[in-house]
Amino acid sequence: MYFEESKSEFRAKIGIILRSDSNFRWYLVARILAYFGTIAFAFYAVYAVQEHHVSEWKIGLMTGGYLATQNTGKSHHGMDWRPEQPPFHHGFWNDFCFH
């Protein structure tokens, strides 16, 4: 079901949620920090090739492993979702199997 609401109403609701739900605030902080942690991966790969003379196929293998683990982790992110907890993010697995 789609509800039409103004941007100011939406912002007010977001403000209420952020002020009242400390678990959700910490969830957002953790997601933001995790995102910044993944940004550095490409720089580490370039550094490894230039400074430590790691072969390009090894960097490709490392990048492929990193991509595979990221996709697996993100697809299984919501597998332990329980109805008594707020469903902020179900993840691909729950969306695929249970909806």
C-alpha atoms as a PDB file:
ATOM      1  CA  MET A   1       0.000   0.000   0.000  1.00  0.00           C
ATOM      2  CA  TYR A   2       1.351   3.417  -0.948  1.00  0.00           C
ATOM      3  CA  PHE A   3       0.785   6.440   1.280  1.00  0.00           C
ATOM      4  CA  GLU A   4       1.289   9.945   0.008  1.00  0.00           C
ATOM      5  CA  GLU A   5       2.976  12.240   2.494  1.00  0.00           C
ATOM      6  CA  SER A   6       4.865  15.468   2.185  1.00  0.00           C
ATOM      7  CA  LYS A   7       8.609  15.753   2.595  1.00  0.00           C
ATOM      8  CA  SER A   8       8.209  17.721   5.806  1.00  0.00           C
ATOM      9  CA  GLU A   9       5.982  14.988   7.302  1.00  0.00           C
ATOM     10  CA  PHE A  10       8.532  12.365   6.296  1.00  0.00           C
ATOM     11  CA  ARG A  11      11.406  14.348   7.830  1.00  0.00           C
ATOM     12  CA  ALA A  12       9.445  14.807  11.043  1.00  0.00           C
ATOM     13  CA  LYS A  13       8.873  11.053  11.292  1.00  0.00           C
ATOM     14  CA  ILE A  14      12.551  10.363  10.650  1.00  0.00           C
ATOM     15  CA  GLY A  15      13.477  12.817  13.394  1.00  0.00           C
ATOM     16  CA  ILE A  16      11.133  11.117  15.845  1.00  0.00           C
ATOM     17  CA  ILE A  17      12.573   7.703  15.028  1.00  0.00           C
ATOM     18  CA  LEU A  18      16.178   8.893  15.359  1.00  0.00           C
ATOM     19  CA  ARG A  19      15.492  10.624  18.687  1.00  0.00           C
ATOM     20  CA  SER A  20      13.518   7.763  20.227  1.00  0.00           C
ATOM     21  CA  ASP A  21      15.244   4.601  18.956  1.00  0.00           C
ATOM     22  CA  SER A  22      18.865   4.315  20.070  1.00  0.00           C
ATOM     23  CA  ASN A  23      19.244   0.832  18.547  1.00  0.00           C
ATOM     24  CA  PHE A  24      18.331   2.192  15.135  1.00  0.00           C
ATOM     25  CA  ARG A  25      20.804   5.077  15.563  1.00  0.00           C
ATOM     26  CA  TRP A  26      23.601   2.601  16.354  1.00  0.00           C
ATOM     27  CA  TYR A  27      22.516   0.475  13.387  1.00  0.00           C
ATOM     28  CA  LEU A  28      22.913   3.488  11.100  1.00  0.00           C
ATOM     29  CA  VAL A  29      26.309   4.349  12.606  1.00  0.00           C
ATOM     30  CA  ALA A  30      27.506   0.777  12.082  1.00  0.00           C
ATOM     31  CA  ARG A  31      26.288   0.738   8.471  1.00  0.00           C
ATOM     32  CA  ILE A  32      28.006   4.040   7.709  1.00  0.00           C
ATOM     33  CA  LEU A  33      31.295   2.893   9.261  1.00  0.00           C
ATOM     34  CA  ALA A  34      31.086  -0.430   7.397  1.00  0.00           C
ATOM     35  CA  TYR A  35      30.604   1.463   4.152  1.00  0.00           C
ATOM     36  CA  PHE A  36      33.703   3.577   4.751  1.00  0.00           C
ATOM     37  CA  GLY A  37      35.631   0.415   5.554  1.00  0.00           C
ATOM     38  CA  THR A  38      34.831  -1.002   2.129  1.00  0.00           C
ATOM     39  CA  ILE A  39      35.957   2.147   0.322  1.00  0.00           C
ATOM     40  CA  ALA A  40      39.587   1.486   1.239  1.00  0.00           C
ATOM     41  CA  PHE A  41      39.682  -1.964  -0.380  1.00  0.00           C
ATOM     42  CA  ALA A  42      40.577  -0.658  -3.851  1.00  0.00           C
ATOM     43  CA  PHE A  43      43.388   1.442  -2.424  1.00  0.00           C
ATOM     44  CA  TYR A  44      44.818  -1.564  -0.605  1.00  0.00           C
ATOM     45  CA  ALA A  45      44.784  -3.513  -3.862  1.00  0.00           C
ATOM     46  CA  VAL A  46      46.666  -0.773  -5.742  1.00  0.00           C
ATOM     47  CA  TYR A  47      49.136  -0.433  -2.851  1.00  0.00           C
ATOM     48  CA  ALA A  48      49.772  -4.188  -2.845  1.00  0.00           C
ATOM     49  CA  VAL A  49      50.528  -4.192  -6.591  1.00  0.00           C
ATOM     50  CA  GLN A  50      52.739  -1.099  -6.579  1.00  0.00           C
ATOM     51  CA  GLU A  51      54.632  -1.449  -3.314  1.00  0.00           C
ATOM     52  CA  HIS A  52      54.705  -5.184  -2.634  1.00  0.00           C
ATOM     53  CA  HIS A  53      54.720  -6.371  -6.251  1.00  0.00           C
ATOM     54  CA  VAL A  54      51.745  -8.692  -5.783  1.00  0.00           C
ATOM     55  CA  SER A  55      50.752 -10.167  -9.125  1.00  0.00           C
ATOM     56  CA  GLU A  56      47.613  -8.888 -10.778  1.00  0.00           C
ATOM     57  CA  TRP A  57      45.991 -12.321 -10.880  1.00  0.00           C
ATOM     58  CA  LYS A  58      46.343 -12.576  -7.092  1.00  0.00           C
ATOM     59  CA  ILE A  59      44.689  -9.186  -6.705  1.00  0.00           C
ATOM     60  CA  GLY A  60      41.952 -10.373  -9.055  1.00  0.00           C
ATOM     61  CA  LEU A  61      41.483 -13.485  -6.943  1.00  0.00           C
ATOM     62  CA  MET A  62      41.395 -11.385  -3.789  1.00  0.00           C
ATOM     63  CA  THR A  63      38.850  -9.006  -5.343  1.00  0.00           C
ATOM     64  CA  GLY A  64      36.689 -11.916  -6.504  1.00  0.00           C
ATOM     65  CA  GLY A  65      36.748 -13.432  -3.021  1.00  0.00           C
ATOM     66  CA  TYR A  66      35.893 -10.090  -1.487  1.00  0.00           C
ATOM     67  CA  LEU A  67      32.982  -9.614  -3.894  1.00  0.00           C
ATOM     68  CA  ALA A  68      31.693 -13.136  -3.255  1.00  0.00           C
ATOM     69  CA  THR A  69      31.781 -12.733   0.513  1.00  0.00           C
ATOM     70  CA  GLN A  70      30.111  -9.325   0.326  1.00  0.00           C
ATOM     71  CA  ASN A  71      27.284 -10.692  -1.827  1.00  0.00           C
ATOM     72  CA  THR A  72      26.847 -13.767   0.357  1.00  0.00           C
ATOM     73  CA  GLY A  73      26.844 -11.718   3.532  1.00  0.00           C
ATOM     74  CA  LYS A  74      24.391  -9.175   2.202  1.00  0.00           C
ATOM     75  CA  SER A  75      22.015 -11.800   0.849  1.00  0.00           C
ATOM     76  CA  HIS A  76      21.938 -13.559   4.234  1.00  0.00           C
ATOM     77  CA  HIS A  77      21.789 -10.356   6.269  1.00  0.00           C
ATOM     78  CA  GLY A  78      18.186 -10.747   7.352  1.00  0.00           C
ATOM     79  CA  MET A  79      17.946 -14.510   7.813  1.00  0.00           C
ATOM     80  CA  ASP A  80      17.607 -14.278  11.601  1.00  0.00           C
ATOM     81  CA  TRP A  81      14.749 -11.769  11.487  1.00  0.00           C
ATOM     82  CA  ARG A  82      12.116 -12.395  14.135  1.00  0.00           C
ATOM     83  CA  PRO A  83       8.631 -10.813  14.157  1.00  0.00           C
ATOM     84  CA  GLU A  84       9.076  -9.417  17.673  1.00  0.00           C
ATOM     85  CA  GLN A  85      11.924  -7.209  16.444  1.00  0.00           C
ATOM     86  CA  PRO A  86      11.416  -4.197  14.170  1.00  0.00           C
ATOM     87  CA  PRO A  87      12.119  -5.214  10.551  1.00  0.00           C
ATOM     88  CA  PHE A  88      14.374  -2.352   9.506  1.00  0.00           C
ATOM     89  CA  HIS A  89      16.117  -4.425   6.873  1.00  0.00           C
ATOM     90  CA  HIS A  90      15.067  -7.927   5.910  1.00  0.00           C
ATOM     91  CA  GLY A  91      17.741  -8.546   3.322  1.00  0.00           C
ATOM     92  CA  PHE A  92      17.449 -10.298  -0.015  1.00  0.00           C
ATOM     93  CA  TRP A  93      16.992 -13.754   1.482  1.00  0.00           C
ATOM     94  CA  ASN A  94      13.853 -12.841   3.448  1.00  0.00           C
ATOM     95  CA  ASP A  95      12.440 -10.852   0.553  1.00  0.00           C
ATOM     96  CA  PHE A  96      12.997 -13.788  -1.777  1.00  0.00           C
ATOM     97  CA  CYS A  97      11.731 -16.590   0.467  1.00  0.00           C
ATOM     98  CA  PHE A  98       9.092 -15.125   2.726  1.00  0.00           C
ATOM     99  CA  HIS A  99       7.262 -12.388   0.808  1.00  0.00           C
END
